[in-house]
Amino acid sequence: MAGFEGINWASKQMRYFLEDKTFDILSGDAQVYAVSRSLHYGLCLTFEGIRFFCRKSAGGRLEVVFVNWNNNLERFCKGISFNLSAAQQDMVPDVEELEQLFIHQYFADPSMRDFLAEMAELGAQGYLRPFTVDEEQSIGVTFPGRPSIRAVVCRYDRYLGEPFSGVVIPNMVRAIDINGTGCLKLGVNYLMSVKAVDEAKRLVPEAASALFLDDRPHLPIEERNVTEWDSSCCLFALADGTIVKIPESNLILPSVTIKGIISILEDMGVRVEERNLSYGELISTAKNSGLVAVCSIGTAGILNRCQNLHFVNEDLEIILTHTADEDHDLYGKLGEARTRFWEIYKGGISLPQGMKLFKYSLK
């Protein structure tokens, strides 16, 4: 499964209680109670992954830069709401409250300055990880008694990366449509992700990712639709120059990064088509040399192109291995889109339509 490389965590984390709105700066290794609904049952566990860049302005002040992070904050609010009861919905923060919390309380705290200043000097990638946890000492199977938001920050060198191998895993489903959980960034979704990668490695030892199909295992395998990778969304580059994006649904996490990548690709003149893609169509396209590459799209890795994608049948036998067509023009454009995405954070290029830059100066 994809992982961070060259990671370095800030020495401080934050905690914010949703009920009384109290805020604390804690040690980076501060823990939660062993007796907690979140640890025992996975209740009140939602999180976000938010990429950012830190730099110094011409006047020497620290600035933190985000792209489209309003979408991250909106998604986090939805995840928090899902984890609370109907009677607790007044605790759910809005985007403005989260913006104030993360920027003007956590990032602006003096204890964070040295870490952020070092990031600015290194020009490193930054990652903000807010998450919720029930801080009440209880193992009652109920909604949380004392829900809080915690957040930690790191810098890192790489996530997943290229080249990587993937395997289609049709005998597991990441989420079920009727429960409405696949579109939220919930801890409960990720156990199936790591189990699927484990299955992929059993078939192909060097595999790093598993590609899921939808939650209709009663259908013939060719009729099921492709959904997403184990820990990222996907784009399909076709030989006719088209990019296919899978529509959002209860099975698919609405990717913030994919929206930015699509804006960049369209700005480059690439045609993007949003539609469902059946497994049968994907196999046929690959067999007929119509598939250039399948991309993994996510916050930390931005965009990585799968070098070898292994297709299987109902009996988990490999029936076809697709190798990315590195000579195709679209393969190169995907790499260029990834570079442009990161350059936007650094202020190197202008924003395409559909992307929004958020820049905050820290006192």
Protein backbone atom coordinates (compact mmCIF):
# COMPACT_ATOMS: atom_id res chain seq x y z
CA MET A 1 0.00 0.00 0.00
CA ALA A 2 1.17 3.52 -0.68
CA GLY A 3 3.21 5.16 2.06
CA PHE A 4 5.10 8.35 2.85
CA GLU A 5 8.84 8.60 2.31
CA GLY A 6 11.17 11.09 4.01
CA ILE A 7 8.50 12.11 6.50
CA ASN A 8 9.17 14.52 9.38
CA TRP A 9 6.48 15.43 11.92
CA ALA A 10 6.05 18.72 13.74
CA SER A 11 6.65 18.48 17.49
CA LYS A 12 3.19 19.88 18.31
CA GLN A 13 -0.37 18.83 17.60
CA MET A 14 -3.67 20.59 18.32
CA ARG A 15 -6.87 19.54 20.04
CA TYR A 16 -10.27 21.22 19.75
CA PHE A 17 -13.31 19.98 21.64
CA LEU A 18 -16.48 20.27 19.56
CA GLU A 19 -18.85 20.68 22.51
CA ASP A 20 -17.26 23.61 24.38
CA LYS A 21 -14.95 24.91 21.59
CA THR A 22 -11.81 24.77 23.76
CA PHE A 23 -8.44 24.69 22.01
CA ASP A 24 -5.09 23.30 23.19
CA ILE A 25 -1.62 22.82 21.77
CA LEU A 26 -0.32 19.40 22.78
CA SER A 27 2.95 17.56 22.41
CA GLY A 28 3.26 15.79 19.08
CA ASP A 29 3.25 12.42 20.86
CA ALA A 30 0.23 13.19 23.07
CA GLN A 31 -2.03 10.15 23.11
CA VAL A 32 -5.71 9.35 23.50
CA TYR A 33 -7.24 7.23 26.26
CA ALA A 34 -6.96 3.47 25.91
CA VAL A 35 -10.65 3.31 26.81
CA SER A 36 -12.30 5.10 23.90
CA ARG A 37 -15.13 4.34 21.50
CA SER A 38 -12.83 5.46 18.70
CA LEU A 39 -10.18 2.86 19.49
CA HIS A 40 -12.51 -0.03 20.31
CA TYR A 41 -15.26 0.42 17.73
CA GLY A 42 -13.93 2.91 15.19
CA LEU A 43 -16.63 5.43 16.18
CA CYS A 44 -16.02 9.12 15.55
CA LEU A 45 -13.04 8.47 13.30
CA THR A 46 -13.03 10.71 10.27
CA PHE A 47 -10.02 12.53 8.88
CA GLU A 48 -8.63 14.65 6.08
CA GLY A 49 -5.38 14.88 4.16
CA ILE A 50 -4.56 18.42 3.08
CA ARG A 51 -1.50 19.36 1.04
CA PHE A 52 0.10 22.77 1.59
CA PHE A 53 3.23 24.75 0.85
CA CYS A 54 5.07 27.11 3.18
CA ARG A 55 7.19 30.00 1.94
CA LYS A 56 8.52 33.40 2.98
CA SER A 57 7.07 36.54 1.47
CA ALA A 58 9.19 39.37 0.07
CA GLY A 59 8.84 41.02 3.47
CA GLY A 60 10.16 37.94 5.26
CA ARG A 61 6.86 36.79 6.73
CA LEU A 62 5.84 33.14 6.68
CA GLU A 63 3.02 32.25 4.31
CA VAL A 64 1.11 28.99 4.01
CA VAL A 65 -0.54 28.19 0.68
CA PHE A 66 -3.39 25.79 -0.10
CA VAL A 67 -5.20 24.94 -3.34
CA ASN A 68 -8.94 24.21 -3.31
CA TRP A 69 -8.75 23.37 0.37
CA ASN A 70 -12.30 24.65 0.88
CA ASN A 71 -13.28 21.29 -0.68
CA ASN A 72 -11.19 19.44 1.92
CA LEU A 73 -12.83 21.39 4.72
CA GLU A 74 -16.32 20.76 3.33
CA ARG A 75 -15.58 17.04 3.08
CA PHE A 76 -14.26 17.00 6.66
CA CYS A 77 -17.45 18.69 7.89
CA LYS A 78 -19.54 16.00 6.18
CA GLY A 79 -17.45 13.27 7.80
CA ILE A 80 -17.86 14.84 11.24
CA SER A 81 -21.61 15.13 10.73
CA PHE A 82 -21.86 11.45 9.77
CA ASN A 83 -20.13 10.46 13.03
CA LEU A 84 -22.48 12.43 15.30
CA SER A 85 -26.09 11.81 16.29
CA ALA A 86 -29.04 13.90 15.16
CA ALA A 87 -29.01 15.63 18.55
CA GLN A 88 -25.32 16.51 18.19
CA GLN A 89 -25.45 18.19 14.79
CA ASP A 90 -25.07 21.65 16.32
CA MET A 91 -21.47 20.65 17.17
CA VAL A 92 -20.53 20.21 13.50
CA PRO A 93 -18.16 23.05 12.53
CA ASP A 94 -18.49 25.00 9.30
CA VAL A 95 -15.69 25.77 6.85
CA GLU A 96 -14.99 29.20 8.36
CA GLU A 97 -14.61 27.72 11.84
CA LEU A 98 -12.14 25.12 10.57
CA GLU A 99 -10.18 27.75 8.65
CA GLN A 100 -9.87 29.83 11.82
CA LEU A 101 -8.90 26.76 13.82
CA PHE A 102 -6.18 25.38 11.53
CA ILE A 103 -4.63 28.64 10.34
CA HIS A 104 -5.09 31.27 13.03
CA GLN A 105 -4.86 28.99 16.06
CA TYR A 106 -2.74 25.97 15.11
CA PHE A 107 -0.39 27.19 12.37
CA ALA A 108 -0.08 30.64 13.94
CA ASP A 109 0.86 29.28 17.36
CA PRO A 110 4.47 30.29 18.23
CA SER A 111 5.38 26.66 18.91
CA MET A 112 4.84 25.86 15.21
CA ARG A 113 7.01 28.63 13.81
CA ASP A 114 10.38 26.85 13.69
CA PHE A 115 8.91 23.82 11.90
CA LEU A 116 7.13 25.96 9.29
CA ALA A 117 10.18 28.19 8.82
CA GLU A 118 12.32 25.12 8.15
CA MET A 119 9.75 23.91 5.65
CA ALA A 120 9.95 27.25 3.86
CA GLU A 121 13.74 26.99 3.66
CA LEU A 122 13.59 23.44 2.28
CA GLY A 123 10.75 24.08 -0.15
CA ALA A 124 9.22 20.84 1.13
CA GLN A 125 5.76 19.38 0.61
CA GLY A 126 3.50 19.87 3.62
CA TYR A 127 0.66 17.66 4.81
CA LEU A 128 -2.00 18.63 7.34
CA ARG A 129 -3.84 15.70 8.93
CA PRO A 130 -6.90 16.66 11.02
CA PHE A 131 -8.91 13.82 12.52
CA THR A 132 -11.68 13.28 15.05
CA VAL A 133 -11.59 11.12 18.14
CA ASP A 134 -13.89 10.52 21.12
CA GLU A 135 -11.99 11.67 24.22
CA GLU A 136 -14.52 10.31 26.70
CA GLN A 137 -13.31 7.27 28.67
CA SER A 138 -16.09 4.93 27.66
CA ILE A 139 -16.57 1.82 25.56
CA GLY A 140 -20.34 2.20 25.27
CA VAL A 141 -21.52 1.48 21.73
CA THR A 142 -23.07 4.91 21.28
CA PHE A 143 -22.26 8.18 19.59
CA PRO A 144 -19.22 9.98 21.07
CA GLY A 145 -19.54 11.63 24.48
CA ARG A 146 -16.68 14.10 24.04
CA PRO A 147 -15.77 14.40 20.37
CA SER A 148 -12.70 16.41 19.47
CA ILE A 149 -10.68 17.41 16.45
CA ARG A 150 -6.99 16.77 16.62
CA ALA A 151 -4.50 17.74 13.95
CA VAL A 152 -0.86 17.04 13.17
CA VAL A 153 1.46 18.37 10.48
CA CYS A 154 4.38 16.87 8.60
CA ARG A 155 6.65 17.46 5.66
CA TYR A 156 7.63 14.63 3.32
CA ASP A 157 9.57 13.75 0.19
CA ARG A 158 7.34 11.31 -1.70
CA TYR A 159 4.14 9.25 -1.55
CA LEU A 160 3.66 6.09 -3.66
CA GLY A 161 5.66 7.32 -6.63
CA GLU A 162 6.48 5.81 -10.01
CA PRO A 163 6.76 3.19 -11.30
CA PHE A 164 4.21 1.12 -9.39
CA SER A 165 2.25 -2.04 -10.12
CA GLY A 166 -1.46 -2.51 -9.50
CA VAL A 167 -3.85 -5.45 -9.46
CA VAL A 168 -7.62 -5.48 -9.98
CA ILE A 169 -9.22 -7.09 -6.90
CA PRO A 170 -12.87 -7.99 -7.70
CA ASN A 171 -13.59 -10.24 -4.71
CA MET A 172 -13.60 -7.38 -2.17
CA VAL A 173 -15.51 -4.10 -2.09
CA ARG A 174 -14.21 -1.00 -0.36
CA ALA A 175 -17.67 0.30 0.60
CA ILE A 176 -21.37 -0.34 0.02
CA ASP A 177 -23.46 2.27 -1.78
CA ILE A 178 -26.53 2.06 0.43
CA ASN A 179 -24.54 2.95 3.58
CA GLY A 180 -23.20 6.17 2.05
CA THR A 181 -19.73 5.73 3.54
CA GLY A 182 -17.51 5.38 0.49
CA CYS A 183 -17.77 9.10 -0.28
CA LEU A 184 -16.51 10.06 3.19
CA LYS A 185 -12.96 9.91 4.52
CA LEU A 186 -13.69 7.47 7.33
CA GLY A 187 -11.32 5.14 9.12
CA VAL A 188 -13.69 2.21 8.55
CA ASN A 189 -13.00 2.29 4.80
CA TYR A 190 -9.29 1.71 5.09
CA LEU A 191 -9.17 -1.77 6.59
CA MET A 192 -10.63 -3.12 3.34
CA SER A 193 -8.04 -1.08 1.47
CA VAL A 194 -5.06 -2.71 3.19
CA LYS A 195 -6.71 -6.16 2.95
CA ALA A 196 -7.13 -5.66 -0.80
CA VAL A 197 -3.47 -4.68 -1.22
CA ASP A 198 -2.50 -7.77 0.76
CA GLU A 199 -4.54 -9.85 -1.71
CA ALA A 200 -2.88 -8.02 -4.60
CA LYS A 201 0.57 -8.86 -3.24
CA ARG A 202 -0.42 -12.51 -3.00
CA LEU A 203 -1.04 -12.46 -6.75
CA VAL A 204 1.79 -10.11 -7.71
CA PRO A 205 4.44 -9.74 -4.96
CA GLU A 206 5.64 -6.33 -6.17
CA ALA A 207 2.11 -4.85 -6.26
CA ALA A 208 1.67 -1.52 -4.45
CA SER A 209 -2.03 -0.87 -5.09
CA ALA A 210 -5.35 -2.63 -5.60
CA LEU A 211 -8.03 -1.41 -8.00
CA PHE A 212 -11.61 -1.96 -6.77
CA LEU A 213 -14.79 -2.74 -8.67
CA ASP A 214 -18.27 -1.71 -7.51
CA ASP A 215 -20.46 -3.37 -4.87
CA ARG A 216 -22.40 -5.63 -7.26
CA PRO A 217 -20.60 -8.98 -7.02
CA HIS A 218 -23.77 -10.79 -8.15
CA LEU A 219 -23.23 -9.45 -11.69
CA PRO A 220 -20.87 -10.96 -14.24
CA ILE A 221 -17.46 -9.45 -13.55
CA GLU A 222 -17.31 -7.64 -16.91
CA GLU A 223 -20.51 -5.71 -16.10
CA ARG A 224 -19.25 -4.26 -12.84
CA ASN A 225 -17.85 -0.72 -12.88
CA VAL A 226 -14.38 0.32 -11.83
CA THR A 227 -14.48 2.56 -8.73
CA GLU A 228 -11.12 3.60 -7.25
CA TRP A 229 -7.72 2.46 -5.98
CA ASP A 230 -7.26 1.26 -2.42
CA SER A 231 -6.22 4.70 -1.12
CA SER A 232 -6.67 7.04 -4.07
CA CYS A 233 -8.96 7.88 -6.95
CA CYS A 234 -8.16 7.07 -10.56
CA LEU A 235 -8.07 8.56 -14.04
CA PHE A 236 -7.82 6.57 -17.27
CA ALA A 237 -5.77 7.87 -20.18
CA LEU A 238 -6.96 6.53 -23.55
CA ALA A 239 -5.03 6.27 -26.79
CA ASP A 240 -7.48 8.60 -28.57
CA GLY A 241 -6.26 11.42 -26.29
CA THR A 242 -9.18 11.32 -23.87
CA ILE A 243 -9.03 11.18 -20.08
CA VAL A 244 -11.88 9.30 -18.35
CA LYS A 245 -12.92 10.33 -14.83
CA ILE A 246 -15.26 8.13 -12.82
CA PRO A 247 -18.35 10.07 -11.61
CA GLU A 248 -18.68 10.73 -7.91
CA SER A 249 -21.02 8.44 -5.97
CA ASN A 250 -21.46 6.90 -2.53
CA LEU A 251 -18.70 4.45 -3.48
CA ILE A 252 -16.05 7.01 -4.39
CA LEU A 253 -14.32 9.63 -2.27
CA PRO A 254 -14.80 13.01 -3.98
CA SER A 255 -11.16 13.79 -4.72
CA VAL A 256 -10.01 17.37 -4.23
CA THR A 257 -6.80 16.68 -6.15
CA ILE A 258 -8.63 15.19 -9.13
CA LYS A 259 -10.59 18.41 -9.58
CA GLY A 260 -7.36 20.37 -9.77
CA ILE A 261 -5.68 17.91 -12.13
CA ILE A 262 -8.68 17.99 -14.46
CA SER A 263 -8.66 21.81 -14.48
CA ILE A 264 -4.99 21.72 -15.44
CA LEU A 265 -5.47 19.05 -18.14
CA GLU A 266 -8.38 20.96 -19.69
CA ASP A 267 -6.27 24.12 -19.60
CA MET A 268 -3.64 22.13 -21.55
CA GLY A 269 -6.26 21.23 -24.16
CA VAL A 270 -6.84 17.64 -23.05
CA ARG A 271 -10.40 16.34 -23.38
CA VAL A 272 -11.81 14.95 -20.11
CA GLU A 273 -14.89 12.74 -20.13
CA GLU A 274 -16.76 11.93 -16.91
CA ARG A 275 -18.56 8.59 -17.14
CA ASN A 276 -18.70 5.09 -15.70
CA LEU A 277 -16.22 2.57 -16.99
CA SER A 278 -17.09 -1.11 -16.83
CA TYR A 279 -14.43 -3.69 -16.15
CA GLY A 280 -15.28 -5.37 -19.44
CA GLU A 281 -14.71 -2.13 -21.36
CA LEU A 282 -11.41 -1.57 -19.56
CA ILE A 283 -10.19 -5.06 -20.44
CA SER A 284 -11.25 -4.65 -24.07
CA THR A 285 -9.58 -1.23 -24.29
CA ALA A 286 -6.33 -2.60 -22.88
CA LYS A 287 -6.38 -5.63 -25.21
CA ASN A 288 -6.88 -3.38 -28.24
CA SER A 289 -4.01 -1.02 -27.34
CA GLY A 290 -6.48 1.72 -26.42
CA LEU A 291 -5.25 2.24 -22.86
CA VAL A 292 -2.28 4.53 -22.26
CA ALA A 293 -2.15 4.49 -18.46
CA VAL A 294 -4.23 4.27 -15.30
CA CYS A 295 -3.38 7.01 -12.82
CA SER A 296 -3.53 7.10 -9.04
CA ILE A 297 -4.73 10.53 -7.89
CA GLY A 298 -4.53 11.68 -4.28
CA THR A 299 -3.50 14.48 -1.96
CA ALA A 300 -0.06 13.27 -0.99
CA GLY A 301 1.06 11.74 -4.28
CA ILE A 302 -0.82 14.15 -6.60
CA LEU A 303 -0.63 11.89 -9.70
CA ASN A 304 1.24 8.64 -10.26
CA ARG A 305 0.98 6.53 -13.42
CA CYS A 306 0.62 2.78 -12.97
CA GLN A 307 3.43 1.03 -14.85
CA ASN A 308 1.85 -2.43 -14.86
CA LEU A 309 -1.83 -3.13 -14.20
CA HIS A 310 -2.74 -6.80 -13.81
CA PHE A 311 -6.27 -7.85 -14.79
CA VAL A 312 -7.85 -10.94 -13.22
CA ASN A 313 -10.93 -13.11 -13.81
CA GLU A 314 -13.55 -14.33 -11.32
CA ASP A 315 -11.11 -16.99 -10.08
CA LEU A 316 -8.40 -14.37 -9.40
CA GLU A 317 -6.28 -15.66 -12.25
CA ILE A 318 -4.27 -13.04 -14.12
CA ILE A 319 -5.62 -12.82 -17.65
CA LEU A 320 -3.84 -9.71 -18.91
CA THR A 321 -1.08 -7.32 -17.85
CA HIS A 322 -1.19 -3.80 -19.22
CA THR A 323 2.03 -1.80 -19.39
CA ALA A 324 1.80 1.96 -19.58
CA ASP A 325 2.55 3.45 -23.00
CA GLU A 326 5.31 5.90 -22.09
CA ASP A 327 5.73 6.97 -25.73
CA HIS A 328 2.18 8.28 -26.05
CA ASP A 329 1.79 12.06 -25.94
CA LEU A 330 -0.87 11.81 -23.22
CA TYR A 331 1.51 9.97 -20.88
CA GLY A 332 3.83 12.96 -20.96
CA LYS A 333 0.99 15.41 -20.49
CA LEU A 334 -0.06 13.61 -17.32
CA GLY A 335 3.42 14.07 -15.92
CA GLU A 336 3.35 17.72 -16.92
CA ALA A 337 -0.02 18.17 -15.18
CA ARG A 338 1.48 16.80 -11.95
CA THR A 339 4.37 19.26 -12.17
CA ARG A 340 2.03 22.16 -12.85
CA PHE A 341 -0.15 21.21 -9.89
CA TRP A 342 2.75 21.53 -7.47
CA GLU A 343 4.05 24.70 -9.15
CA ILE A 344 0.71 26.38 -8.46
CA TYR A 345 1.39 26.02 -4.73
CA LYS A 346 4.79 27.62 -5.20
CA GLY A 347 3.35 30.52 -7.20
CA GLY A 348 5.21 29.49 -10.34
CA ILE A 349 2.24 29.46 -12.73
CA SER A 350 -1.19 31.04 -12.94
CA LEU A 351 -4.35 29.26 -11.82
CA PRO A 352 -6.46 27.48 -14.43
CA GLN A 353 -10.20 27.99 -14.30
CA GLY A 354 -11.77 25.90 -11.55
CA MET A 355 -8.88 26.16 -9.10
CA LYS A 356 -8.66 28.52 -6.13
CA LEU A 357 -5.53 29.54 -4.26
CA PHE A 358 -5.65 30.27 -0.52
CA LYS A 359 -2.68 32.18 0.90
CA TYR A 360 -2.32 33.07 4.58
CA SER A 361 0.31 35.28 6.17
CA LEU A 362 1.32 34.18 9.67
CA LYS A 363 2.19 36.78 12.29
